[in-house]
PDB file of all heavy atoms in Angstrom:
ATOM      1  N   ALA A   1      12.852 -54.164 -22.146  1.00  0.00           N
ATOM      2  CA  ALA A   1      13.548 -55.461 -21.864  1.00  0.00           C
ATOM      3  C   ALA A   1      13.379 -56.398 -23.052  1.00  0.00           C
ATOM      4  O   ALA A   1      14.319 -57.038 -23.439  1.00  0.00           O
ATOM      5  CB  ALA A   1      12.948 -56.155 -20.598  1.00  0.00           C
ATOM      6  N   LEU A   2      12.234 -56.405 -23.655  1.00  0.00           N
ATOM      7  CA  LEU A   2      12.051 -57.292 -24.803  1.00  0.00           C
ATOM      8  C   LEU A   2      12.925 -56.978 -25.953  1.00  0.00           C
ATOM      9  O   LEU A   2      13.562 -57.883 -26.624  1.00  0.00           O
ATOM     10  CB  LEU A   2      10.540 -57.215 -25.323  1.00  0.00           C
ATOM     11  CG  LEU A   2      10.150 -58.084 -26.454  1.00  0.00           C
ATOM     12  CD1 LEU A   2      10.290 -59.550 -26.114  1.00  0.00           C
ATOM     13  CD2 LEU A   2       8.765 -57.848 -26.867  1.00  0.00           C
ATOM     14  N   GLU A   3      13.136 -55.754 -26.276  1.00  0.00           N
ATOM     15  CA  GLU A   3      13.939 -55.302 -27.409  1.00  0.00           C
ATOM     16  C   GLU A   3      15.442 -55.613 -27.052  1.00  0.00           C
ATOM     17  O   GLU A   3      16.198 -56.057 -27.843  1.00  0.00           O
ATOM     18  CB  GLU A   3      13.812 -53.854 -27.679  1.00  0.00           C
ATOM     19  CG  GLU A   3      14.720 -53.269 -28.825  1.00  0.00           C
ATOM     20  CD  GLU A   3      14.515 -51.781 -29.045  1.00  0.00           C
ATOM     21  OE1 GLU A   3      13.905 -51.104 -28.185  1.00  0.00           O
ATOM     22  OE2 GLU A   3      15.162 -51.244 -29.971  1.00  0.00           O
ATOM     23  N   ALA A   4      15.805 -55.369 -25.785  1.00  0.00           N
ATOM     24  CA  ALA A   4      17.195 -55.528 -25.402  1.00  0.00           C
ATOM     25  C   ALA A   4      17.549 -57.021 -25.521  1.00  0.00           C
ATOM     26  O   ALA A   4      18.631 -57.371 -25.890  1.00  0.00           O
ATOM     27  CB  ALA A   4      17.414 -55.030 -24.013  1.00  0.00           C
ATOM     28  N   THR A   5      16.636 -57.984 -25.071  1.00  0.00           N
ATOM     29  CA  THR A   5      16.967 -59.335 -25.082  1.00  0.00           C
ATOM     30  C   THR A   5      17.141 -59.847 -26.447  1.00  0.00           C
ATOM     31  O   THR A   5      17.930 -60.775 -26.644  1.00  0.00           O
ATOM     32  CB  THR A   5      15.666 -60.102 -24.403  1.00  0.00           C
ATOM     33  OG1 THR A   5      15.528 -59.693 -23.142  1.00  0.00           O
ATOM     34  CG2 THR A   5      15.951 -61.631 -24.404  1.00  0.00           C
ATOM     35  N   ARG A   6      16.453 -59.186 -27.404  1.00  0.00           N
ATOM     36  CA  ARG A   6      16.626 -59.594 -28.791  1.00  0.00           C
ATOM     37  C   ARG A   6      17.861 -59.022 -29.424  1.00  0.00           C
ATOM     38  O   ARG A   6      18.563 -59.713 -30.224  1.00  0.00           O
ATOM     39  CB  ARG A   6      15.334 -59.167 -29.587  1.00  0.00           C
ATOM     40  CG  ARG A   6      15.426 -59.478 -31.085  1.00  0.00           C
ATOM     41  CD  ARG A   6      14.091 -59.133 -31.752  1.00  0.00           C
ATOM     42  NE  ARG A   6      14.027 -57.666 -31.882  1.00  0.00           N
ATOM     43  CZ  ARG A   6      13.164 -56.974 -31.142  1.00  0.00           C
ATOM     44  NH1 ARG A   6      12.331 -57.496 -30.278  1.00  0.00           N
ATOM     45  NH2 ARG A   6      13.138 -55.636 -31.329  1.00  0.00           N
ATOM     46  N   ARG A   7      18.195 -57.806 -29.107  1.00  0.00           N
ATOM     47  CA  ARG A   7      19.269 -57.097 -29.741  1.00  0.00           C
ATOM     48  C   ARG A   7      20.678 -57.407 -29.241  1.00  0.00           C
ATOM     49  O   ARG A   7      21.649 -57.478 -29.945  1.00  0.00           O
ATOM     50  CB  ARG A   7      19.001 -55.661 -29.817  1.00  0.00           C
ATOM     51  CG  ARG A   7      17.828 -55.148 -30.594  1.00  0.00           C
ATOM     52  CD  ARG A   7      17.734 -53.636 -30.600  1.00  0.00           C
ATOM     53  NE  ARG A   7      18.886 -53.035 -31.281  1.00  0.00           N
ATOM     54  CZ  ARG A   7      19.200 -51.774 -31.109  1.00  0.00           C
ATOM     55  NH1 ARG A   7      18.407 -50.931 -30.386  1.00  0.00           N
ATOM     56  NH2 ARG A   7      20.297 -51.332 -31.758  1.00  0.00           N
ATOM     57  N   ILE A   8      20.777 -57.510 -27.889  1.00  0.00           N
ATOM     58  CA  ILE A   8      22.094 -57.626 -27.263  1.00  0.00           C
ATOM     59  C   ILE A   8      22.937 -58.849 -27.767  1.00  0.00           C
ATOM     60  O   ILE A   8      24.104 -58.709 -28.103  1.00  0.00           O
ATOM     61  CB  ILE A   8      22.004 -57.648 -25.769  1.00  0.00           C
ATOM     62  CG1 ILE A   8      21.458 -56.259 -25.212  1.00  0.00           C
ATOM     63  CG2 ILE A   8      23.323 -58.010 -25.137  1.00  0.00           C
ATOM     64  CD1 ILE A   8      21.236 -56.266 -23.762  1.00  0.00           C
ATOM     65  N   PRO A   9      22.326 -60.046 -27.882  1.00  0.00           N
ATOM     66  CA  PRO A   9      23.179 -61.241 -28.310  1.00  0.00           C
ATOM     67  C   PRO A   9      23.629 -60.981 -29.746  1.00  0.00           C
ATOM     68  O   PRO A   9      24.695 -61.449 -30.181  1.00  0.00           O
ATOM     69  CB  PRO A   9      22.212 -62.410 -28.232  1.00  0.00           C
ATOM     70  CG  PRO A   9      21.182 -62.006 -27.260  1.00  0.00           C
ATOM     71  CD  PRO A   9      20.972 -60.527 -27.431  1.00  0.00           C
ATOM     72  N   ALA A  10      22.862 -60.328 -30.571  1.00  0.00           N
ATOM     73  CA  ALA A  10      23.278 -60.020 -32.006  1.00  0.00           C
ATOM     74  C   ALA A  10      24.301 -58.986 -32.084  1.00  0.00           C
ATOM     75  O   ALA A  10      25.244 -59.127 -32.938  1.00  0.00           O
ATOM     76  CB  ALA A  10      22.061 -59.609 -32.787  1.00  0.00           C
ATOM     77  N   MET A  11      24.372 -58.058 -31.234  1.00  0.00           N
ATOM     78  CA  MET A  11      25.347 -56.964 -31.167  1.00  0.00           C
ATOM     79  C   MET A  11      26.693 -57.385 -30.429  1.00  0.00           C
ATOM     80  O   MET A  11      27.632 -56.720 -30.596  1.00  0.00           O
ATOM     81  CB  MET A  11      24.765 -55.667 -30.630  1.00  0.00           C
ATOM     82  CG  MET A  11      23.501 -55.208 -31.382  1.00  0.00           C
ATOM     83  SD  MET A  11      23.000 -53.537 -31.003  1.00  0.00           S
ATOM     84  CE  MET A  11      24.199 -52.670 -31.950  1.00  0.00           C
ATOM     85  N   ARG A  12      26.559 -58.307 -29.556  1.00  0.00           N
ATOM     86  CA  ARG A  12      27.727 -58.866 -28.835  1.00  0.00           C
ATOM     87  C   ARG A  12      28.566 -57.835 -28.171  1.00  0.00           C
ATOM     88  O   ARG A  12      29.747 -57.704 -28.461  1.00  0.00           O
ATOM     89  CB  ARG A  12      28.533 -59.728 -29.760  1.00  0.00           C
ATOM     90  CG  ARG A  12      27.779 -60.929 -30.429  1.00  0.00           C
ATOM     91  CD  ARG A  12      28.712 -61.863 -31.024  1.00  0.00           C
ATOM     92  NE  ARG A  12      29.552 -62.513 -30.048  1.00  0.00           N
ATOM     93  CZ  ARG A  12      30.538 -63.383 -30.275  1.00  0.00           C
ATOM     94  NH1 ARG A  12      30.812 -63.635 -31.554  1.00  0.00           N
ATOM     95  NH2 ARG A  12      31.215 -63.937 -29.331  1.00  0.00           N
ATOM     96  N   PRO A  13      28.003 -56.956 -27.300  1.00  0.00           N
ATOM     97  CA  PRO A  13      28.852 -56.034 -26.526  1.00  0.00           C
ATOM     98  C   PRO A  13      29.672 -56.741 -25.494  1.00  0.00           C
ATOM     99  O   PRO A  13      29.443 -57.984 -25.216  1.00  0.00           O
ATOM    100  CB  PRO A  13      27.761 -55.127 -25.848  1.00  0.00           C
ATOM    101  CG  PRO A  13      26.616 -56.078 -25.576  1.00  0.00           C
ATOM    102  CD  PRO A  13      26.584 -56.968 -26.848  1.00  0.00           C
ATOM    103  N   ASP A  14      30.696 -56.090 -24.946  1.00  0.00           N
ATOM    104  CA  ASP A  14      31.418 -56.695 -23.886  1.00  0.00           C
ATOM    105  C   ASP A  14      30.674 -56.575 -22.576  1.00  0.00           C
ATOM    106  O   ASP A  14      30.740 -57.433 -21.690  1.00  0.00           O
ATOM    107  CB  ASP A  14      32.860 -56.000 -23.769  1.00  0.00           C
ATOM    108  CG  ASP A  14      33.599 -56.098 -25.051  1.00  0.00           C
ATOM    109  OD1 ASP A  14      33.864 -57.255 -25.440  1.00  0.00           O
ATOM    110  OD2 ASP A  14      33.962 -55.060 -25.670  1.00  0.00           O
ATOM    111  N   VAL A  15      29.990 -55.413 -22.388  1.00  0.00           N
ATOM    112  CA  VAL A  15      29.315 -55.146 -21.155  1.00  0.00           C
ATOM    113  C   VAL A  15      27.923 -54.590 -21.479  1.00  0.00           C
ATOM    114  O   VAL A  15      27.730 -53.731 -22.366  1.00  0.00           O
ATOM    115  CB  VAL A  15      30.094 -54.092 -20.329  1.00  0.00           C
ATOM    116  CG1 VAL A  15      29.295 -53.797 -19.027  1.00  0.00           C
ATOM    117  CG2 VAL A  15      31.512 -54.508 -20.005  1.00  0.00           C
ATOM    118  N   MET A  16      26.946 -55.091 -20.733  1.00  0.00           N
ATOM    119  CA  MET A  16      25.570 -54.507 -20.789  1.00  0.00           C
ATOM    120  C   MET A  16      25.228 -53.900 -19.473  1.00  0.00           C
ATOM    121  O   MET A  16      25.254 -54.523 -18.477  1.00  0.00           O
ATOM    122  CB  MET A  16      24.570 -55.593 -21.212  1.00  0.00           C
ATOM    123  CG  MET A  16      24.660 -56.856 -20.461  1.00  0.00           C
ATOM    124  SD  MET A  16      23.480 -58.100 -21.090  1.00  0.00           S
ATOM    125  CE  MET A  16      23.972 -59.558 -19.993  1.00  0.00           C
ATOM    126  N   VAL A  17      24.714 -52.617 -19.545  1.00  0.00           N
ATOM    127  CA  VAL A  17      24.364 -51.918 -18.361  1.00  0.00           C
ATOM    128  C   VAL A  17      22.907 -51.845 -18.408  1.00  0.00           C
ATOM    129  O   VAL A  17      22.281 -51.284 -19.254  1.00  0.00           O
ATOM    130  CB  VAL A  17      24.885 -50.481 -18.353  1.00  0.00           C
ATOM    131  CG1 VAL A  17      24.448 -49.771 -17.105  1.00  0.00           C
ATOM    132  CG2 VAL A  17      26.410 -50.509 -18.478  1.00  0.00           C
ATOM    133  N   LEU A  18      22.173 -52.591 -17.338  1.00  0.00           N
ATOM    134  CA  LEU A  18      20.812 -52.886 -17.447  1.00  0.00           C
ATOM    135  C   LEU A  18      20.009 -52.287 -16.248  1.00  0.00           C
ATOM    136  O   LEU A  18      20.400 -52.572 -15.084  1.00  0.00           O
ATOM    137  CB  LEU A  18      20.568 -54.427 -17.468  1.00  0.00           C
ATOM    138  CG  LEU A  18      21.460 -55.149 -18.462  1.00  0.00           C
ATOM    139  CD1 LEU A  18      21.448 -56.671 -18.161  1.00  0.00           C
ATOM    140  CD2 LEU A  18      20.953 -54.872 -19.870  1.00  0.00           C
ATOM    141  N   ASP A  19      19.020 -51.530 -16.535  1.00  0.00           N
ATOM    142  CA  ASP A  19      18.176 -50.975 -15.484  1.00  0.00           C
ATOM    143  C   ASP A  19      17.409 -52.161 -14.811  1.00  0.00           C
ATOM    144  O   ASP A  19      16.828 -53.045 -15.442  1.00  0.00           O
ATOM    145  CB  ASP A  19      17.134 -50.028 -16.118  1.00  0.00           C
ATOM    146  CG  ASP A  19      16.372 -49.221 -15.088  1.00  0.00           C
ATOM    147  OD1 ASP A  19      16.625 -49.424 -13.871  1.00  0.00           O
ATOM    148  OD2 ASP A  19      15.431 -48.470 -15.462  1.00  0.00           O
ATOM    149  N   ALA A  20      17.452 -52.172 -13.480  1.00  0.00           N
ATOM    150  CA  ALA A  20      16.758 -53.315 -12.751  1.00  0.00           C
ATOM    151  C   ALA A  20      15.325 -53.322 -12.917  1.00  0.00           C
ATOM    152  O   ALA A  20      14.734 -54.431 -12.957  1.00  0.00           O
ATOM    153  CB  ALA A  20      17.182 -53.176 -11.224  1.00  0.00           C
ATOM    154  N   ARG A  21      14.653 -52.172 -13.084  1.00  0.00           N
ATOM    155  CA  ARG A  21      13.202 -52.165 -13.194  1.00  0.00           C
ATOM    156  C   ARG A  21      12.732 -51.464 -14.496  1.00  0.00           C
ATOM    157  O   ARG A  21      13.123 -50.306 -14.733  1.00  0.00           O
ATOM    158  CB  ARG A  21      12.564 -51.406 -11.983  1.00  0.00           C
ATOM    159  CG  ARG A  21      12.951 -52.065 -10.698  1.00  0.00           C
ATOM    160  CD  ARG A  21      12.318 -51.268  -9.490  1.00  0.00           C
ATOM    161  NE  ARG A  21      12.667 -51.925  -8.280  1.00  0.00           N
ATOM    162  CZ  ARG A  21      12.276 -51.470  -7.055  1.00  0.00           C
ATOM    163  NH1 ARG A  21      11.467 -50.465  -6.982  1.00  0.00           N
ATOM    164  NH2 ARG A  21      12.581 -52.113  -5.944  1.00  0.00           N
ATOM    165  N   LEU A  22      11.973 -52.164 -15.298  1.00  0.00           N
ATOM    166  CA  LEU A  22      11.465 -51.685 -16.551  1.00  0.00           C
ATOM    167  C   LEU A  22       9.979 -51.946 -16.667  1.00  0.00           C
ATOM    168  O   LEU A  22       9.454 -52.802 -16.080  1.00  0.00           O
ATOM    169  CB  LEU A  22      12.203 -52.369 -17.721  1.00  0.00           C
ATOM    170  CG  LEU A  22      13.746 -52.178 -17.735  1.00  0.00           C
ATOM    171  CD1 LEU A  22      14.426 -53.312 -18.519  1.00  0.00           C
ATOM    172  CD2 LEU A  22      14.088 -50.796 -18.313  1.00  0.00           C
ATOM    173  N   PRO A  23       9.265 -51.119 -17.508  1.00  0.00           N
ATOM    174  CA  PRO A  23       7.872 -51.283 -17.665  1.00  0.00           C
ATOM    175  C   PRO A  23       7.443 -52.685 -18.154  1.00  0.00           C
ATOM    176  O   PRO A  23       6.436 -53.204 -17.793  1.00  0.00           O
ATOM    177  CB  PRO A  23       7.479 -50.229 -18.690  1.00  0.00           C
ATOM    178  CG  PRO A  23       8.499 -49.223 -18.525  1.00  0.00           C
ATOM    179  CD  PRO A  23       9.813 -49.971 -18.275  1.00  0.00           C
ATOM    180  N   ASP A  24       8.295 -53.288 -18.968  1.00  0.00           N
ATOM    181  CA  ASP A  24       7.938 -54.602 -19.557  1.00  0.00           C
ATOM    182  C   ASP A  24       8.784 -55.669 -19.052  1.00  0.00           C
ATOM    183  O   ASP A  24       8.869 -56.869 -19.660  1.00  0.00           O
ATOM    184  CB  ASP A  24       8.050 -54.584 -21.121  1.00  0.00           C
ATOM    185  CG  ASP A  24       9.467 -54.402 -21.578  1.00  0.00           C
ATOM    186  OD1 ASP A  24      10.273 -53.801 -20.822  1.00  0.00           O
ATOM    187  OD2 ASP A  24       9.752 -54.771 -22.714  1.00  0.00           O
ATOM    188  N   GLY A  25       9.422 -55.519 -17.900  1.00  0.00           N
ATOM    189  CA  GLY A  25      10.296 -56.641 -17.357  1.00  0.00           C
ATOM    190  C   GLY A  25      11.336 -56.079 -16.463  1.00  0.00           C
ATOM    191  O   GLY A  25      11.129 -55.089 -15.788  1.00  0.00           O
ATOM    192  N   SER A  26      12.517 -56.656 -16.498  1.00  0.00           N
ATOM    193  CA  SER A  26      13.622 -56.220 -15.617  1.00  0.00           C
ATOM    194  C   SER A  26      14.992 -56.543 -16.221  1.00  0.00           C
ATOM    195  O   SER A  26      15.040 -57.391 -17.037  1.00  0.00           O
ATOM    196  CB  SER A  26      13.527 -56.882 -14.163  1.00  0.00           C
ATOM    197  OG  SER A  26      13.888 -58.293 -14.292  1.00  0.00           O
ATOM    198  N   GLY A  27      15.948 -55.774 -15.772  1.00  0.00           N
ATOM    199  CA  GLY A  27      17.316 -56.092 -16.167  1.00  0.00           C
ATOM    200  C   GLY A  27      17.791 -57.369 -15.736  1.00  0.00           C
ATOM    201  O   GLY A  27      18.706 -58.009 -16.283  1.00  0.00           O
ATOM    202  N   ILE A  28      17.195 -57.803 -14.594  1.00  0.00           N
ATOM    203  CA  ILE A  28      17.522 -59.170 -14.084  1.00  0.00           C
ATOM    204  C   ILE A  28      17.299 -60.285 -15.062  1.00  0.00           C
ATOM    205  O   ILE A  28      18.149 -61.113 -15.407  1.00  0.00           O
ATOM    206  CB  ILE A  28      16.783 -59.520 -12.764  1.00  0.00           C
ATOM    207  CG1 ILE A  28      17.053 -58.469 -11.645  1.00  0.00           C
ATOM    208  CG2 ILE A  28      17.042 -60.914 -12.278  1.00  0.00           C
ATOM    209  CD1 ILE A  28      16.232 -58.618 -10.449  1.00  0.00           C
ATOM    210  N   ASP A  29      16.069 -60.265 -15.671  1.00  0.00           N
ATOM    211  CA  ASP A  29      15.657 -61.253 -16.639  1.00  0.00           C
ATOM    212  C   ASP A  29      16.556 -61.100 -17.958  1.00  0.00           C
ATOM    213  O   ASP A  29      16.940 -62.081 -18.502  1.00  0.00           O
ATOM    214  CB  ASP A  29      14.207 -61.130 -17.021  1.00  0.00           C
ATOM    215  CG  ASP A  29      13.282 -61.537 -15.796  1.00  0.00           C
ATOM    216  OD1 ASP A  29      13.712 -62.395 -15.098  1.00  0.00           O
ATOM    217  OD2 ASP A  29      12.251 -60.890 -15.698  1.00  0.00           O
ATOM    218  N   VAL A  30      16.755 -59.890 -18.334  1.00  0.00           N
ATOM    219  CA  VAL A  30      17.557 -59.668 -19.475  1.00  0.00           C
ATOM    220  C   VAL A  30      18.936 -60.152 -19.382  1.00  0.00           C
ATOM    221  O   VAL A  30      19.485 -60.905 -20.216  1.00  0.00           O
ATOM    222  CB  VAL A  30      17.603 -58.193 -19.886  1.00  0.00           C
ATOM    223  CG1 VAL A  30      18.522 -57.857 -21.064  1.00  0.00           C
ATOM    224  CG2 VAL A  30      16.200 -57.659 -20.284  1.00  0.00           C
ATOM    225  N   CYS A  31      19.543 -59.941 -18.216  1.00  0.00           N
ATOM    226  CA  CYS A  31      20.919 -60.328 -17.964  1.00  0.00           C
ATOM    227  C   CYS A  31      20.985 -61.852 -17.987  1.00  0.00           C
ATOM    228  O   CYS A  31      21.825 -62.421 -18.675  1.00  0.00           O
ATOM    229  CB  CYS A  31      21.397 -59.841 -16.554  1.00  0.00           C
ATOM    230  SG  CYS A  31      23.146 -60.237 -16.211  1.00  0.00           S
ATOM    231  N   ARG A  32      20.026 -62.499 -17.322  1.00  0.00           N
ATOM    232  CA  ARG A  32      20.043 -63.969 -17.316  1.00  0.00           C
ATOM    233  C   ARG A  32      19.793 -64.530 -18.707  1.00  0.00           C
ATOM    234  O   ARG A  32      20.509 -65.474 -19.134  1.00  0.00           O
ATOM    235  CB  ARG A  32      19.033 -64.498 -16.323  1.00  0.00           C
ATOM    236  CG  ARG A  32      18.977 -66.002 -16.306  1.00  0.00           C
ATOM    237  CD  ARG A  32      17.816 -66.490 -15.400  1.00  0.00           C
ATOM    238  NE  ARG A  32      18.118 -66.192 -13.994  1.00  0.00           N
ATOM    239  CZ  ARG A  32      17.482 -65.239 -13.280  1.00  0.00           C
ATOM    240  NH1 ARG A  32      16.503 -64.591 -13.839  1.00  0.00           N
ATOM    241  NH2 ARG A  32      17.779 -64.904 -12.064  1.00  0.00           N
ATOM    242  N   ASP A  33      18.856 -64.010 -19.398  1.00  0.00           N
ATOM    243  CA  ASP A  33      18.531 -64.558 -20.722  1.00  0.00           C
ATOM    244  C   ASP A  33      19.622 -64.394 -21.736  1.00  0.00           C
ATOM    245  O   ASP A  33      19.982 -65.283 -22.548  1.00  0.00           O
ATOM    246  CB  ASP A  33      17.263 -63.837 -21.280  1.00  0.00           C
ATOM    247  CG  ASP A  33      16.011 -64.331 -20.600  1.00  0.00           C
ATOM    248  OD1 ASP A  33      16.125 -65.244 -19.807  1.00  0.00           O
ATOM    249  OD2 ASP A  33      14.994 -63.572 -20.686  1.00  0.00           O
ATOM    250  N   VAL A  34      20.310 -63.143 -21.709  1.00  0.00           N
ATOM    251  CA  VAL A  34      21.346 -62.974 -22.575  1.00  0.00           C
ATOM    252  C   VAL A  34      22.581 -63.856 -22.297  1.00  0.00           C
ATOM    253  O   VAL A  34      23.170 -64.447 -23.136  1.00  0.00           O
ATOM    254  CB  VAL A  34      21.786 -61.441 -22.583  1.00  0.00           C
ATOM    255  CG1 VAL A  34      23.153 -61.249 -23.347  1.00  0.00           C
ATOM    256  CG2 VAL A  34      20.684 -60.589 -23.109  1.00  0.00           C
ATOM    257  N   ARG A  35      22.899 -63.921 -20.982  1.00  0.00           N
ATOM    258  CA  ARG A  35      24.090 -64.820 -20.617  1.00  0.00           C
ATOM    259  C   ARG A  35      23.826 -66.259 -20.864  1.00  0.00           C
ATOM    260  O   ARG A  35      24.761 -67.056 -20.926  1.00  0.00           O
ATOM    261  CB  ARG A  35      24.411 -64.489 -19.179  1.00  0.00           C
ATOM    262  CG  ARG A  35      25.076 -63.160 -18.974  1.00  0.00           C
ATOM    263  CD  ARG A  35      25.437 -62.807 -17.512  1.00  0.00           C
ATOM    264  NE  ARG A  35      26.223 -63.915 -16.858  1.00  0.00           N
ATOM    265  CZ  ARG A  35      27.502 -64.058 -17.048  1.00  0.00           C
ATOM    266  NH1 ARG A  35      28.194 -63.266 -17.909  1.00  0.00           N
ATOM    267  NH2 ARG A  35      28.199 -65.095 -16.415  1.00  0.00           N
ATOM    268  N   SER A  36      22.564 -66.586 -20.873  1.00  0.00           N
ATOM    269  CA  SER A  36      22.241 -68.031 -21.197  1.00  0.00           C
ATOM    270  C   SER A  36      22.588 -68.356 -22.659  1.00  0.00           C
ATOM    271  O   SER A  36      22.964 -69.434 -23.000  1.00  0.00           O
ATOM    272  CB  SER A  36      20.733 -68.330 -20.963  1.00  0.00           C
ATOM    273  OG  SER A  36      20.418 -69.619 -21.312  1.00  0.00           O
ATOM    274  N   VAL A  37      22.482 -67.317 -23.465  1.00  0.00           N
ATOM    275  CA  VAL A  37      22.794 -67.448 -24.992  1.00  0.00           C
ATOM    276  C   VAL A  37      24.342 -67.220 -25.131  1.00  0.00           C
ATOM    277  O   VAL A  37      24.979 -67.980 -25.869  1.00  0.00           O
ATOM    278  CB  VAL A  37      22.021 -66.413 -25.765  1.00  0.00           C
ATOM    279  CG1 VAL A  37      22.503 -66.435 -27.258  1.00  0.00           C
ATOM    280  CG2 VAL A  37      20.564 -66.671 -25.664  1.00  0.00           C
ATOM    281  N   ASP A  38      24.888 -66.111 -24.470  1.00  0.00           N
ATOM    282  CA  ASP A  38      26.276 -65.827 -24.691  1.00  0.00           C
ATOM    283  C   ASP A  38      26.868 -65.381 -23.282  1.00  0.00           C
ATOM    284  O   ASP A  38      26.775 -64.188 -22.888  1.00  0.00           O
ATOM    285  CB  ASP A  38      26.494 -64.691 -25.676  1.00  0.00           C
ATOM    286  CG  ASP A  38      27.921 -64.412 -25.941  1.00  0.00           C
ATOM    287  OD1 ASP A  38      28.830 -64.903 -25.252  1.00  0.00           O
ATOM    288  OD2 ASP A  38      28.160 -63.719 -26.931  1.00  0.00           O
TER     289      ASP A  38
END
């Protein structure tokens, strides 16, 4: 999750497919954090 949160806004994909459960967080947090930026 940490790496994705950092990389996704920089890469600016149209769609991010996010696993809901991750060892270091969740796709829920990643989705919200990324969409807060973009």
